[in-house]
């Protein structure tokens, strides 16, 4: 019998398990105790079937809602619990993909990782805010949004709107395009202060000139950028680092990546080793993981 009073009230991820320990459902919550109580009290048929099969709830506390969202998505992909429908079929949180491997990189909104080449930024919690911010980002850093770069005689509508420099026509300045890509990459990595300052100034001027529709547009863009960055910042003396922490039993290691002072990614790694102490699990992970990745941060923090 599950007693929600025994569960923590903090933010994190919870896992409903059956009698054999198999995961049935993975969820995230700002307050785990309250959310699980809602499951148990629900009259929805799916919720009632879940609760009738569940014999325990495992909780993983996180440092905030963004980390909880990241961890929830990873665990659903890893465990494929039967009662998770929404995220299991690649209906995951949106990311921004910058295809830096191409001569003229593009910026795209994507879901999932399969077949993706380039740099992924995110995940982001609000797709509506992300779309608003994305339109402005393309105007500020004009890069293409067509998946296949085909030769054209005339530029498309995106170029006419100032959201692309039309490399498809062969007339784009490659040096200027590369600068736009680097500036965009820096912005997506967390350097948003300069852009937000410029936007607030434009909003103020538009309001003073009684161009209220334009001022409202800048206001929406500012809100969109602030919301997609919400909860993803970390206060630390070093802006680029990885944080590695092992679970109590040593069966999993949790990796949190911070770039430019913002959470750039988080992922649990299951080591398939039972009865391993936390410090040994971290040592094993460090050797295996960092021997095959490029672009190591200047600092790696470990919990032990």
Foldseek 3Di string as FASTA:
>chain_A
DDDLVPPFQAWAKKFFAAPVRATADIDTDRGVSVVVVCLVPDPDPLSVVSVVRGDYMDTDHDPDDQVRLQARLQVCCVRVHVSDDCNNVQNHAWKWFWQVVDLQTAIEIGTDDPPGHGDIFDRFDDVVLVVLLVLVLLQVLQGDDDPDQAADCDADVCVVVNSHVPCSPVPDDSVSSVVSSVVSVVVSLPPCVVVLVVLVVVLVVCVVVVVNVVNVSSVSNSVSVCRRQPPFFADDPDQWEKEWEADQQLQKIKIWTGHRRGTGHIHIDGPPDGRDGGVVSVVVCCVVPVVPDPDHTPYYHYPD
